[in-house]
């Protein structure tokens, strides 16, 4: 006796039913992407437009030569500058070249003042210093001459190469990790970690070659620059993978907010770090884009004078995130074995 074909139809239909979306999806299904999109756009505009709306100088380091001039300038300009007294004009200039000060101020020997700036510090910082010192000189009735002793590369006239490098490499690391999250069923965890590490090195190398030898926008030595950018890509990639692994669907939006939005907004590449609000200035060097911008500037224009700190920050982000990703399966197994049946 043969079975009726009609009797098999409900079974097939019921097997397929779980793959079909609900006729009336829960409110959360609609609400989550809407809220995430609104939070991202609000955060992006608030960070970038808000920080650029009215930047105010706070403690810009200026080396000032002479016996009386440091006190006079400090009294006139207040906490908008951080006066660093030095013995003479040569020492003040050296402070700028070592990246210990944004500008150097000294008497010119003819009854006026000479201001030496580092154009590589970015337009916002140097413009603020010139405006402040110019106001002081004008009030004191002194002639002021200005010299740029660390000019920007000709191919980076606006001083934005560091921002574009940090943003582009962070974005590449984010996209890499986003794809790696989708490969959980196709690659073992160790293979995904090697994928992130190896591709990060490739991202840093390609970015350094394009920005340096090809376009001439970043004059730093190729190998240190490539390794720094590779660490930035790894920091962004492993952190994004970490957030996606631990937080699930909202991990990528959180990574977008932390790395691409907030991190790049407070990096100091567009609005100088000394012009940021106090909280943003404190956060700036701790996030990967801010650390990368500082390292790129130091390697390109100041012979790597203070690059070690930012490079270590990037390495800690990458290594810490990678370790937590590697530990996740072990932590999950530990919780499973300790829960009583």
C-alpha atoms as a PDB file:
ATOM      1  CA  UNK A   1       0.000   0.000   0.000  1.00  0.00           C
ATOM      2  CA  UNK A   2       1.509   3.333  -1.042  1.00  0.00           C
ATOM      3  CA  UNK A   3       1.419   6.431   1.109  1.00  0.00           C
ATOM      4  CA  UNK A   4      -0.554   9.377  -0.083  1.00  0.00           C
ATOM      5  CA  UNK A   5       1.566  12.307  -1.437  1.00  0.00           C
ATOM      6  CA  UNK A   6      -0.841  14.673   0.261  1.00  0.00           C
ATOM      7  CA  UNK A   7       0.189  13.460   3.719  1.00  0.00           C
ATOM      8  CA  UNK A   8       3.844  14.485   3.125  1.00  0.00           C
ATOM      9  CA  UNK A   9       2.979  18.054   2.228  1.00  0.00           C
ATOM     10  CA  UNK A  10       2.296  19.360   5.777  1.00  0.00           C
ATOM     11  CA  UNK A  11       5.574  17.851   6.987  1.00  0.00           C
ATOM     12  CA  UNK A  12       7.565  19.649   4.296  1.00  0.00           C
ATOM     13  CA  UNK A  13       5.726  22.858   4.983  1.00  0.00           C
ATOM     14  CA  UNK A  14       6.380  22.641   8.706  1.00  0.00           C
ATOM     15  CA  UNK A  15      10.080  21.928   8.091  1.00  0.00           C
ATOM     16  CA  UNK A  16      10.386  25.059   5.991  1.00  0.00           C
ATOM     17  CA  UNK A  17       8.375  27.208   8.349  1.00  0.00           C
ATOM     18  CA  UNK A  18      11.261  28.133  10.706  1.00  0.00           C
ATOM     19  CA  UNK A  19      13.125  29.732   7.789  1.00  0.00           C
ATOM     20  CA  UNK A  20      10.243  32.050   7.007  1.00  0.00           C
ATOM     21  CA  UNK A  21      10.064  35.511   8.669  1.00  0.00           C
ATOM     22  CA  UNK A  22       7.222  36.043  11.072  1.00  0.00           C
ATOM     23  CA  UNK A  23       4.130  37.637   9.573  1.00  0.00           C
ATOM     24  CA  UNK A  24       4.183  40.257  12.328  1.00  0.00           C
ATOM     25  CA  UNK A  25       7.775  40.802  13.479  1.00  0.00           C
ATOM     26  CA  UNK A  26       8.341  41.955  17.051  1.00  0.00           C
ATOM     27  CA  UNK A  27       8.876  45.647  17.657  1.00  0.00           C
ATOM     28  CA  UNK A  28      12.536  45.070  18.568  1.00  0.00           C
ATOM     29  CA  UNK A  29      13.228  43.721  15.078  1.00  0.00           C
ATOM     30  CA  UNK A  30      12.138  47.042  13.582  1.00  0.00           C
ATOM     31  CA  UNK A  31      13.492  49.245  16.326  1.00  0.00           C
ATOM     32  CA  UNK A  32      17.093  48.029  16.629  1.00  0.00           C
ATOM     33  CA  UNK A  33      18.380  49.071  13.152  1.00  0.00           C
ATOM     34  CA  UNK A  34      16.516  52.370  13.360  1.00  0.00           C
ATOM     35  CA  UNK A  35      18.015  53.258  16.745  1.00  0.00           C
ATOM     36  CA  UNK A  36      21.504  52.190  15.676  1.00  0.00           C
ATOM     37  CA  UNK A  37      21.357  54.317  12.506  1.00  0.00           C
ATOM     38  CA  UNK A  38      20.120  57.379  14.407  1.00  0.00           C
ATOM     39  CA  UNK A  39      22.759  56.990  17.127  1.00  0.00           C
ATOM     40  CA  UNK A  40      25.544  56.692  14.541  1.00  0.00           C
ATOM     41  CA  UNK A  41      24.511  59.785  12.578  1.00  0.00           C
ATOM     42  CA  UNK A  42      23.960  61.812  15.764  1.00  0.00           C
ATOM     43  CA  UNK A  43      27.331  60.774  17.180  1.00  0.00           C
ATOM     44  CA  UNK A  44      29.173  61.439  13.909  1.00  0.00           C
ATOM     45  CA  UNK A  45      27.779  64.935  13.450  1.00  0.00           C
ATOM     46  CA  UNK A  46      28.095  65.826  17.131  1.00  0.00           C
ATOM     47  CA  UNK A  47      31.755  64.784  17.210  1.00  0.00           C
ATOM     48  CA  UNK A  48      32.967  66.313  13.958  1.00  0.00           C
ATOM     49  CA  UNK A  49      30.826  69.451  13.782  1.00  0.00           C
ATOM     50  CA  UNK A  50      30.742  69.957  17.537  1.00  0.00           C
ATOM     51  CA  UNK A  51      34.517  69.824  17.997  1.00  0.00           C
ATOM     52  CA  UNK A  52      35.134  72.180  15.071  1.00  0.00           C
ATOM     53  CA  UNK A  53      32.472  74.694  16.076  1.00  0.00           C
ATOM     54  CA  UNK A  54      34.519  76.702  18.562  1.00  0.00           C
ATOM     55  CA  UNK A  55      37.962  75.196  19.268  1.00  0.00           C
ATOM     56  CA  UNK A  56      39.759  76.955  22.095  1.00  0.00           C
ATOM     57  CA  UNK A  57      43.498  76.682  22.841  1.00  0.00           C
ATOM     58  CA  UNK A  58      44.325  75.085  26.162  1.00  0.00           C
ATOM     59  CA  UNK A  59      47.908  74.707  27.289  1.00  0.00           C
ATOM     60  CA  UNK A  60      49.608  74.854  23.897  1.00  0.00           C
ATOM     61  CA  UNK A  61      53.312  74.228  24.654  1.00  0.00           C
ATOM     62  CA  UNK A  62      55.460  77.213  23.682  1.00  0.00           C
ATOM     63  CA  UNK A  63      59.177  77.440  24.397  1.00  0.00           C
ATOM     64  CA  UNK A  64      60.062  81.021  25.396  1.00  0.00           C
ATOM     65  CA  UNK A  65      63.642  82.277  25.655  1.00  0.00           C
ATOM     66  CA  UNK A  66      64.921  85.012  27.937  1.00  0.00           C
ATOM     67  CA  UNK A  67      64.855  86.049  31.559  1.00  0.00           C
ATOM     68  CA  UNK A  68      61.695  88.178  31.629  1.00  0.00           C
ATOM     69  CA  UNK A  69      59.844  87.192  28.450  1.00  0.00           C
ATOM     70  CA  UNK A  70      58.433  83.841  29.717  1.00  0.00           C
ATOM     71  CA  UNK A  71      56.762  85.497  32.686  1.00  0.00           C
ATOM     72  CA  UNK A  72      55.411  88.382  30.621  1.00  0.00           C
ATOM     73  CA  UNK A  73      53.956  86.115  27.939  1.00  0.00           C
ATOM     74  CA  UNK A  74      52.536  83.698  30.495  1.00  0.00           C
ATOM     75  CA  UNK A  75      50.839  86.500  32.406  1.00  0.00           C
ATOM     76  CA  UNK A  76      49.345  87.938  29.217  1.00  0.00           C
ATOM     77  CA  UNK A  77      48.115  84.679  27.654  1.00  0.00           C
ATOM     78  CA  UNK A  78      47.191  82.707  30.769  1.00  0.00           C
ATOM     79  CA  UNK A  79      46.404  79.008  30.565  1.00  0.00           C
ATOM     80  CA  UNK A  80      45.873  79.148  26.818  1.00  0.00           C
ATOM     81  CA  UNK A  81      49.583  78.431  26.492  1.00  0.00           C
ATOM     82  CA  UNK A  82      51.986  76.258  28.473  1.00  0.00           C
ATOM     83  CA  UNK A  83      55.107  78.399  28.765  1.00  0.00           C
ATOM     84  CA  UNK A  84      58.352  76.414  28.785  1.00  0.00           C
ATOM     85  CA  UNK A  85      61.269  78.705  29.661  1.00  0.00           C
ATOM     86  CA  UNK A  86      64.556  78.007  27.902  1.00  0.00           C
ATOM     87  CA  UNK A  87      67.961  79.641  27.998  1.00  0.00           C
ATOM     88  CA  UNK A  88      68.149  81.196  24.535  1.00  0.00           C
ATOM     89  CA  UNK A  89      66.678  81.320  21.047  1.00  0.00           C
ATOM     90  CA  UNK A  90      68.670  78.293  19.900  1.00  0.00           C
ATOM     91  CA  UNK A  91      67.286  76.168  22.729  1.00  0.00           C
ATOM     92  CA  UNK A  92      63.760  77.363  21.967  1.00  0.00           C
ATOM     93  CA  UNK A  93      64.138  76.400  18.312  1.00  0.00           C
ATOM     94  CA  UNK A  94      65.547  73.011  19.312  1.00  0.00           C
ATOM     95  CA  UNK A  95      62.475  72.367  21.458  1.00  0.00           C
ATOM     96  CA  UNK A  96      60.317  72.754  18.350  1.00  0.00           C
ATOM     97  CA  UNK A  97      62.543  70.471  16.296  1.00  0.00           C
ATOM     98  CA  UNK A  98      62.391  67.799  19.053  1.00  0.00           C
ATOM     99  CA  UNK A  99      58.595  68.043  19.147  1.00  0.00           C
ATOM    100  CA  UNK A 100      58.692  69.274  22.737  1.00  0.00           C
ATOM    101  CA  UNK A 101      56.897  72.512  21.838  1.00  0.00           C
ATOM    102  CA  UNK A 102      54.539  73.699  19.118  1.00  0.00           C
ATOM    103  CA  UNK A 103      56.338  77.031  18.802  1.00  0.00           C
ATOM    104  CA  UNK A 104      59.366  78.959  20.038  1.00  0.00           C
ATOM    105  CA  UNK A 105      59.358  82.642  20.979  1.00  0.00           C
ATOM    106  CA  UNK A 106      62.412  84.805  21.513  1.00  0.00           C
ATOM    107  CA  UNK A 107      63.647  88.364  21.095  1.00  0.00           C
ATOM    108  CA  UNK A 108      65.033  89.078  17.639  1.00  0.00           C
ATOM    109  CA  UNK A 109      67.826  91.366  18.868  1.00  0.00           C
ATOM    110  CA  UNK A 110      66.282  94.416  17.198  1.00  0.00           C
ATOM    111  CA  UNK A 111      63.574  95.279  19.695  1.00  0.00           C
ATOM    112  CA  UNK A 112      61.046  92.827  18.273  1.00  0.00           C
ATOM    113  CA  UNK A 113      60.010  89.199  18.670  1.00  0.00           C
ATOM    114  CA  UNK A 114      60.647  86.127  16.540  1.00  0.00           C
ATOM    115  CA  UNK A 115      58.194  83.246  16.499  1.00  0.00           C
ATOM    116  CA  UNK A 116      59.267  79.875  15.159  1.00  0.00           C
ATOM    117  CA  UNK A 117      56.496  77.394  14.514  1.00  0.00           C
ATOM    118  CA  UNK A 118      56.200  73.804  13.326  1.00  0.00           C
ATOM    119  CA  UNK A 119      53.786  73.773  10.406  1.00  0.00           C
ATOM    120  CA  UNK A 120      53.777  69.986  10.741  1.00  0.00           C
ATOM    121  CA  UNK A 121      51.754  70.428  13.936  1.00  0.00           C
ATOM    122  CA  UNK A 122      48.744  71.241  11.771  1.00  0.00           C
ATOM    123  CA  UNK A 123      46.968  74.387  10.700  1.00  0.00           C
ATOM    124  CA  UNK A 124      44.710  74.635  13.742  1.00  0.00           C
ATOM    125  CA  UNK A 125      47.545  74.553  16.286  1.00  0.00           C
ATOM    126  CA  UNK A 126      49.885  76.876  14.409  1.00  0.00           C
ATOM    127  CA  UNK A 127      47.084  79.334  13.595  1.00  0.00           C
ATOM    128  CA  UNK A 128      46.113  79.465  17.267  1.00  0.00           C
ATOM    129  CA  UNK A 129      49.708  80.104  18.353  1.00  0.00           C
ATOM    130  CA  UNK A 130      50.220  82.823  15.743  1.00  0.00           C
ATOM    131  CA  UNK A 131      46.993  84.523  16.784  1.00  0.00           C
ATOM    132  CA  UNK A 132      47.843  84.416  20.498  1.00  0.00           C
ATOM    133  CA  UNK A 133      51.448  85.575  20.138  1.00  0.00           C
ATOM    134  CA  UNK A 134      50.420  88.153  17.547  1.00  0.00           C
ATOM    135  CA  UNK A 135      47.896  89.598  19.999  1.00  0.00           C
ATOM    136  CA  UNK A 136      50.564  89.753  22.704  1.00  0.00           C
ATOM    137  CA  UNK A 137      53.081  91.419  20.395  1.00  0.00           C
ATOM    138  CA  UNK A 138      50.488  93.905  19.184  1.00  0.00           C
ATOM    139  CA  UNK A 139      49.501  94.803  22.729  1.00  0.00           C
ATOM    140  CA  UNK A 140      53.147  95.279  23.685  1.00  0.00           C
ATOM    141  CA  UNK A 141      53.880  97.325  20.573  1.00  0.00           C
ATOM    142  CA  UNK A 142      56.489  94.852  19.333  1.00  0.00           C
ATOM    143  CA  UNK A 143      57.174  93.799  15.755  1.00  0.00           C
ATOM    144  CA  UNK A 144      56.722  90.040  15.239  1.00  0.00           C
ATOM    145  CA  UNK A 145      58.328  87.899  12.550  1.00  0.00           C
ATOM    146  CA  UNK A 146      57.349  84.276  11.996  1.00  0.00           C
ATOM    147  CA  UNK A 147      59.346  81.370  10.600  1.00  0.00           C
ATOM    148  CA  UNK A 148      58.150  77.832   9.900  1.00  0.00           C
ATOM    149  CA  UNK A 149      61.062  75.590  10.917  1.00  0.00           C
ATOM    150  CA  UNK A 150      59.223  72.255  10.358  1.00  0.00           C
ATOM    151  CA  UNK A 151      57.089  72.802   7.254  1.00  0.00           C
ATOM    152  CA  UNK A 152      54.590  70.289   5.935  1.00  0.00           C
ATOM    153  CA  UNK A 153      55.397  68.179   2.886  1.00  0.00           C
ATOM    154  CA  UNK A 154      54.430  70.016  -0.339  1.00  0.00           C
ATOM    155  CA  UNK A 155      51.968  67.228  -1.176  1.00  0.00           C
ATOM    156  CA  UNK A 156      50.180  67.779   2.153  1.00  0.00           C
ATOM    157  CA  UNK A 157      49.654  71.524   2.075  1.00  0.00           C
ATOM    158  CA  UNK A 158      46.596  71.388   4.373  1.00  0.00           C
ATOM    159  CA  UNK A 159      48.162  68.989   6.857  1.00  0.00           C
ATOM    160  CA  UNK A 160      45.395  66.390   6.591  1.00  0.00           C
ATOM    161  CA  UNK A 161      47.434  63.404   5.416  1.00  0.00           C
ATOM    162  CA  UNK A 162      47.588  62.004   8.960  1.00  0.00           C
ATOM    163  CA  UNK A 163      43.804  62.165   9.285  1.00  0.00           C
ATOM    164  CA  UNK A 164      43.180  60.456   5.959  1.00  0.00           C
ATOM    165  CA  UNK A 165      45.762  57.773   6.740  1.00  0.00           C
ATOM    166  CA  UNK A 166      44.333  57.064  10.194  1.00  0.00           C
ATOM    167  CA  UNK A 167      40.735  57.063   8.971  1.00  0.00           C
ATOM    168  CA  UNK A 168      41.435  54.965   5.871  1.00  0.00           C
ATOM    169  CA  UNK A 169      43.500  52.333   7.675  1.00  0.00           C
ATOM    170  CA  UNK A 170      41.008  52.154  10.563  1.00  0.00           C
ATOM    171  CA  UNK A 171      38.206  51.714   8.042  1.00  0.00           C
ATOM    172  CA  UNK A 172      40.114  48.945   6.264  1.00  0.00           C
ATOM    173  CA  UNK A 173      40.670  47.139   9.566  1.00  0.00           C
ATOM    174  CA  UNK A 174      36.980  47.519  10.423  1.00  0.00           C
ATOM    175  CA  UNK A 175      35.866  46.108   7.052  1.00  0.00           C
ATOM    176  CA  UNK A 176      38.365  43.245   7.366  1.00  0.00           C
ATOM    177  CA  UNK A 177      37.006  42.269  10.779  1.00  0.00           C
ATOM    178  CA  UNK A 178      33.411  42.595   9.594  1.00  0.00           C
ATOM    179  CA  UNK A 179      34.129  40.025   6.904  1.00  0.00           C
ATOM    180  CA  UNK A 180      36.037  37.811   9.332  1.00  0.00           C
ATOM    181  CA  UNK A 181      33.001  37.707  11.616  1.00  0.00           C
ATOM    182  CA  UNK A 182      31.017  36.186   8.751  1.00  0.00           C
ATOM    183  CA  UNK A 183      33.611  33.439   8.271  1.00  0.00           C
ATOM    184  CA  UNK A 184      33.076  31.822  11.673  1.00  0.00           C
ATOM    185  CA  UNK A 185      31.476  28.779  10.036  1.00  0.00           C
ATOM    186  CA  UNK A 186      34.122  28.471   7.331  1.00  0.00           C
ATOM    187  CA  UNK A 187      37.444  29.091   9.144  1.00  0.00           C
ATOM    188  CA  UNK A 188      38.776  27.941  12.476  1.00  0.00           C
ATOM    189  CA  UNK A 189      39.396  30.650  15.060  1.00  0.00           C
ATOM    190  CA  UNK A 190      43.166  30.459  14.718  1.00  0.00           C
ATOM    191  CA  UNK A 191      42.840  30.840  10.960  1.00  0.00           C
ATOM    192  CA  UNK A 192      40.667  33.912  11.384  1.00  0.00           C
ATOM    193  CA  UNK A 193      43.202  35.421  13.771  1.00  0.00           C
ATOM    194  CA  UNK A 194      46.011  34.786  11.296  1.00  0.00           C
ATOM    195  CA  UNK A 195      43.827  36.300   8.570  1.00  0.00           C
ATOM    196  CA  UNK A 196      43.419  39.490  10.592  1.00  0.00           C
ATOM    197  CA  UNK A 197      47.121  39.702  11.469  1.00  0.00           C
ATOM    198  CA  UNK A 198      48.437  38.997   7.979  1.00  0.00           C
ATOM    199  CA  UNK A 199      45.998  41.286   6.200  1.00  0.00           C
ATOM    200  CA  UNK A 200      46.686  44.077   8.704  1.00  0.00           C
ATOM    201  CA  UNK A 201      50.354  43.903   7.760  1.00  0.00           C
ATOM    202  CA  UNK A 202      49.387  44.102   4.094  1.00  0.00           C
ATOM    203  CA  UNK A 203      47.061  47.061   4.747  1.00  0.00           C
ATOM    204  CA  UNK A 204      49.806  48.966   6.554  1.00  0.00           C
ATOM    205  CA  UNK A 205      52.319  48.272   3.804  1.00  0.00           C
ATOM    206  CA  UNK A 206      50.010  49.335   0.984  1.00  0.00           C
ATOM    207  CA  UNK A 207      48.920  52.482   2.848  1.00  0.00           C
ATOM    208  CA  UNK A 208      52.513  53.492   3.621  1.00  0.00           C
ATOM    209  CA  UNK A 209      53.624  52.984   0.018  1.00  0.00           C
ATOM    210  CA  UNK A 210      50.732  55.029  -1.380  1.00  0.00           C
ATOM    211  CA  UNK A 211      51.023  57.871   1.154  1.00  0.00           C
ATOM    212  CA  UNK A 212      54.813  57.942   1.073  1.00  0.00           C
ATOM    213  CA  UNK A 213      56.756  57.075  -2.103  1.00  0.00           C
ATOM    214  CA  UNK A 214      53.778  57.236  -4.485  1.00  0.00           C
ATOM    215  CA  UNK A 215      52.032  60.461  -3.398  1.00  0.00           C
ATOM    216  CA  UNK A 216      54.717  62.061  -1.224  1.00  0.00           C
ATOM    217  CA  UNK A 217      52.150  63.207   1.342  1.00  0.00           C
ATOM    218  CA  UNK A 218      53.923  61.550   4.292  1.00  0.00           C
ATOM    219  CA  UNK A 219      57.720  61.920   4.299  1.00  0.00           C
ATOM    220  CA  UNK A 220      58.437  59.365   7.052  1.00  0.00           C
ATOM    221  CA  UNK A 221      60.696  56.341   6.546  1.00  0.00           C
ATOM    222  CA  UNK A 222      58.737  53.610   4.792  1.00  0.00           C
ATOM    223  CA  UNK A 223      59.330  50.619   7.091  1.00  0.00           C
ATOM    224  CA  UNK A 224      58.531  52.312  10.449  1.00  0.00           C
ATOM    225  CA  UNK A 225      55.493  53.963   8.863  1.00  0.00           C
ATOM    226  CA  UNK A 226      54.249  50.663   7.397  1.00  0.00           C
ATOM    227  CA  UNK A 227      54.633  48.877  10.742  1.00  0.00           C
ATOM    228  CA  UNK A 228      52.790  51.673  12.556  1.00  0.00           C
ATOM    229  CA  UNK A 229      49.914  51.567  10.084  1.00  0.00           C
ATOM    230  CA  UNK A 230      49.850  47.772  10.285  1.00  0.00           C
ATOM    231  CA  UNK A 231      49.439  48.058  14.060  1.00  0.00           C
ATOM    232  CA  UNK A 232      46.599  50.554  13.530  1.00  0.00           C
ATOM    233  CA  UNK A 233      44.852  48.164  11.114  1.00  0.00           C
ATOM    234  CA  UNK A 234      45.362  45.316  13.594  1.00  0.00           C
ATOM    235  CA  UNK A 235      44.059  47.421  16.489  1.00  0.00           C
ATOM    236  CA  UNK A 236      40.935  48.349  14.517  1.00  0.00           C
ATOM    237  CA  UNK A 237      40.469  44.843  13.112  1.00  0.00           C
ATOM    238  CA  UNK A 238      40.949  42.855  16.307  1.00  0.00           C
ATOM    239  CA  UNK A 239      38.892  45.342  18.346  1.00  0.00           C
ATOM    240  CA  UNK A 240      36.028  45.157  15.858  1.00  0.00           C
ATOM    241  CA  UNK A 241      36.223  41.347  15.880  1.00  0.00           C
ATOM    242  CA  UNK A 242      36.273  41.406  19.676  1.00  0.00           C
ATOM    243  CA  UNK A 243      33.166  43.588  19.921  1.00  0.00           C
ATOM    244  CA  UNK A 244      31.334  41.506  17.328  1.00  0.00           C
ATOM    245  CA  UNK A 245      32.287  38.293  19.130  1.00  0.00           C
ATOM    246  CA  UNK A 246      31.217  39.414  22.598  1.00  0.00           C
ATOM    247  CA  UNK A 247      28.322  41.759  21.804  1.00  0.00           C
ATOM    248  CA  UNK A 248      26.779  40.055  18.798  1.00  0.00           C
ATOM    249  CA  UNK A 249      24.774  42.157  16.308  1.00  0.00           C
ATOM    250  CA  UNK A 250      25.436  45.474  18.070  1.00  0.00           C
ATOM    251  CA  UNK A 251      29.199  44.879  18.120  1.00  0.00           C
ATOM    252  CA  UNK A 252      29.782  46.434  14.693  1.00  0.00           C
ATOM    253  CA  UNK A 253      27.825  49.631  15.467  1.00  0.00           C
ATOM    254  CA  UNK A 254      29.750  49.981  18.742  1.00  0.00           C
ATOM    255  CA  UNK A 255      33.035  49.585  16.834  1.00  0.00           C
ATOM    256  CA  UNK A 256      31.846  52.215  14.354  1.00  0.00           C
ATOM    257  CA  UNK A 257      31.182  54.662  17.167  1.00  0.00           C
ATOM    258  CA  UNK A 258      34.375  54.007  19.132  1.00  0.00           C
ATOM    259  CA  UNK A 259      36.937  53.606  16.353  1.00  0.00           C
ATOM    260  CA  UNK A 260      35.684  55.364  13.236  1.00  0.00           C
ATOM    261  CA  UNK A 261      33.587  58.148  14.742  1.00  0.00           C
ATOM    262  CA  UNK A 262      34.906  59.144  18.163  1.00  0.00           C
ATOM    263  CA  UNK A 263      38.462  57.905  17.622  1.00  0.00           C
ATOM    264  CA  UNK A 264      39.042  59.849  14.418  1.00  0.00           C
ATOM    265  CA  UNK A 265      37.137  62.932  15.586  1.00  0.00           C
ATOM    266  CA  UNK A 266      39.375  63.401  18.643  1.00  0.00           C
ATOM    267  CA  UNK A 267      42.582  62.177  16.972  1.00  0.00           C
ATOM    268  CA  UNK A 268      43.991  65.709  16.770  1.00  0.00           C
ATOM    269  CA  UNK A 269      44.508  65.549  13.016  1.00  0.00           C
ATOM    270  CA  UNK A 270      41.678  67.920  12.047  1.00  0.00           C
ATOM    271  CA  UNK A 271      41.323  69.949  15.240  1.00  0.00           C
ATOM    272  CA  UNK A 272      44.655  70.022  17.096  1.00  0.00           C
ATOM    273  CA  UNK A 273      44.709  68.095  20.360  1.00  0.00           C
ATOM    274  CA  UNK A 274      45.569  71.281  22.272  1.00  0.00           C
ATOM    275  CA  UNK A 275      42.358  72.869  21.003  1.00  0.00           C
ATOM    276  CA  UNK A 276      40.067  70.008  22.051  1.00  0.00           C
ATOM    277  CA  UNK A 277      37.840  70.089  25.158  1.00  0.00           C
ATOM    278  CA  UNK A 278      39.451  68.610  28.251  1.00  0.00           C
ATOM    279  CA  UNK A 279      37.713  65.218  28.077  1.00  0.00           C
ATOM    280  CA  UNK A 280      38.415  64.798  24.353  1.00  0.00           C
ATOM    281  CA  UNK A 281      42.048  65.827  24.785  1.00  0.00           C
ATOM    282  CA  UNK A 282      42.509  63.214  27.530  1.00  0.00           C
ATOM    283  CA  UNK A 283      40.869  60.523  25.397  1.00  0.00           C
ATOM    284  CA  UNK A 284      42.670  61.400  22.160  1.00  0.00           C
ATOM    285  CA  UNK A 285      46.016  59.580  22.664  1.00  0.00           C
ATOM    286  CA  UNK A 286      44.329  56.509  24.180  1.00  0.00           C
ATOM    287  CA  UNK A 287      42.275  55.552  21.113  1.00  0.00           C
ATOM    288  CA  UNK A 288      43.967  53.915  18.094  1.00  0.00           C
ATOM    289  CA  UNK A 289      43.395  56.762  15.565  1.00  0.00           C
ATOM    290  CA  UNK A 290      44.786  59.382  17.955  1.00  0.00           C
ATOM    291  CA  UNK A 291      47.812  57.250  18.750  1.00  0.00           C
ATOM    292  CA  UNK A 292      48.381  56.638  15.039  1.00  0.00           C
ATOM    293  CA  UNK A 293      48.173  60.342  14.132  1.00  0.00           C
ATOM    294  CA  UNK A 294      50.808  61.159  16.749  1.00  0.00           C
ATOM    295  CA  UNK A 295      53.099  58.364  15.568  1.00  0.00           C
ATOM    296  CA  UNK A 296      52.716  59.364  11.900  1.00  0.00           C
ATOM    297  CA  UNK A 297      53.586  62.984  12.699  1.00  0.00           C
ATOM    298  CA  UNK A 298      56.590  62.031  14.825  1.00  0.00           C
ATOM    299  CA  UNK A 299      57.952  59.588  12.266  1.00  0.00           C
ATOM    300  CA  UNK A 300      57.411  61.988   9.356  1.00  0.00           C
ATOM    301  CA  UNK A 301      58.675  65.289  10.749  1.00  0.00           C
ATOM    302  CA  UNK A 302      60.372  64.855  14.125  1.00  0.00           C
ATOM    303  CA  UNK A 303      62.660  61.843  13.616  1.00  0.00           C
ATOM    304  CA  UNK A 304      60.422  59.641  15.762  1.00  0.00           C
ATOM    305  CA  UNK A 305      61.135  61.711  18.869  1.00  0.00           C
ATOM    306  CA  UNK A 306      57.985  60.648  20.735  1.00  0.00           C
ATOM    307  CA  UNK A 307      56.699  57.811  18.544  1.00  0.00           C
ATOM    308  CA  UNK A 308      57.325  54.965  20.995  1.00  0.00           C
ATOM    309  CA  UNK A 309      54.372  55.764  23.267  1.00  0.00           C
ATOM    310  CA  UNK A 310      51.750  55.877  20.487  1.00  0.00           C
ATOM    311  CA  UNK A 311      53.168  52.720  18.872  1.00  0.00           C
ATOM    312  CA  UNK A 312      52.924  50.857  22.186  1.00  0.00           C
ATOM    313  CA  UNK A 313      49.321  52.057  22.542  1.00  0.00           C
ATOM    314  CA  UNK A 314      48.460  50.558  19.149  1.00  0.00           C
ATOM    315  CA  UNK A 315      50.233  47.307  20.001  1.00  0.00           C
ATOM    316  CA  UNK A 316      48.329  47.017  23.290  1.00  0.00           C
ATOM    317  CA  UNK A 317      44.981  47.488  21.545  1.00  0.00           C
ATOM    318  CA  UNK A 318      45.794  44.850  18.923  1.00  0.00           C
ATOM    319  CA  UNK A 319      47.341  42.299  21.303  1.00  0.00           C
ATOM    320  CA  UNK A 320      44.742  42.788  24.040  1.00  0.00           C
ATOM    321  CA  UNK A 321      41.820  42.367  21.653  1.00  0.00           C
ATOM    322  CA  UNK A 322      43.411  39.322  20.008  1.00  0.00           C
ATOM    323  CA  UNK A 323      43.960  37.688  23.407  1.00  0.00           C
ATOM    324  CA  UNK A 324      40.345  38.236  24.472  1.00  0.00           C
ATOM    325  CA  UNK A 325      39.093  36.793  21.170  1.00  0.00           C
ATOM    326  CA  UNK A 326      41.316  33.726  21.629  1.00  0.00           C
ATOM    327  CA  UNK A 327      40.059  33.254  25.202  1.00  0.00           C
ATOM    328  CA  UNK A 328      36.356  33.466  24.305  1.00  0.00           C
ATOM    329  CA  UNK A 329      35.841  29.744  23.438  1.00  0.00           C
ATOM    330  CA  UNK A 330      37.710  28.721  26.577  1.00  0.00           C
ATOM    331  CA  UNK A 331      35.633  31.026  28.751  1.00  0.00           C
ATOM    332  CA  UNK A 332      32.460  29.688  27.151  1.00  0.00           C
ATOM    333  CA  UNK A 333      33.493  26.077  27.769  1.00  0.00           C
ATOM    334  CA  UNK A 334      34.409  26.908  31.362  1.00  0.00           C
ATOM    335  CA  UNK A 335      30.968  28.402  32.034  1.00  0.00           C
ATOM    336  CA  UNK A 336      29.289  25.407  30.405  1.00  0.00           C
ATOM    337  CA  UNK A 337      31.185  22.880  32.520  1.00  0.00           C
ATOM    338  CA  UNK A 338      30.589  24.759  35.791  1.00  0.00           C
ATOM    339  CA  UNK A 339      26.817  25.135  35.334  1.00  0.00           C
ATOM    340  CA  UNK A 340      25.089  22.209  37.153  1.00  0.00           C
ATOM    341  CA  UNK A 341      22.962  19.937  34.991  1.00  0.00           C
END
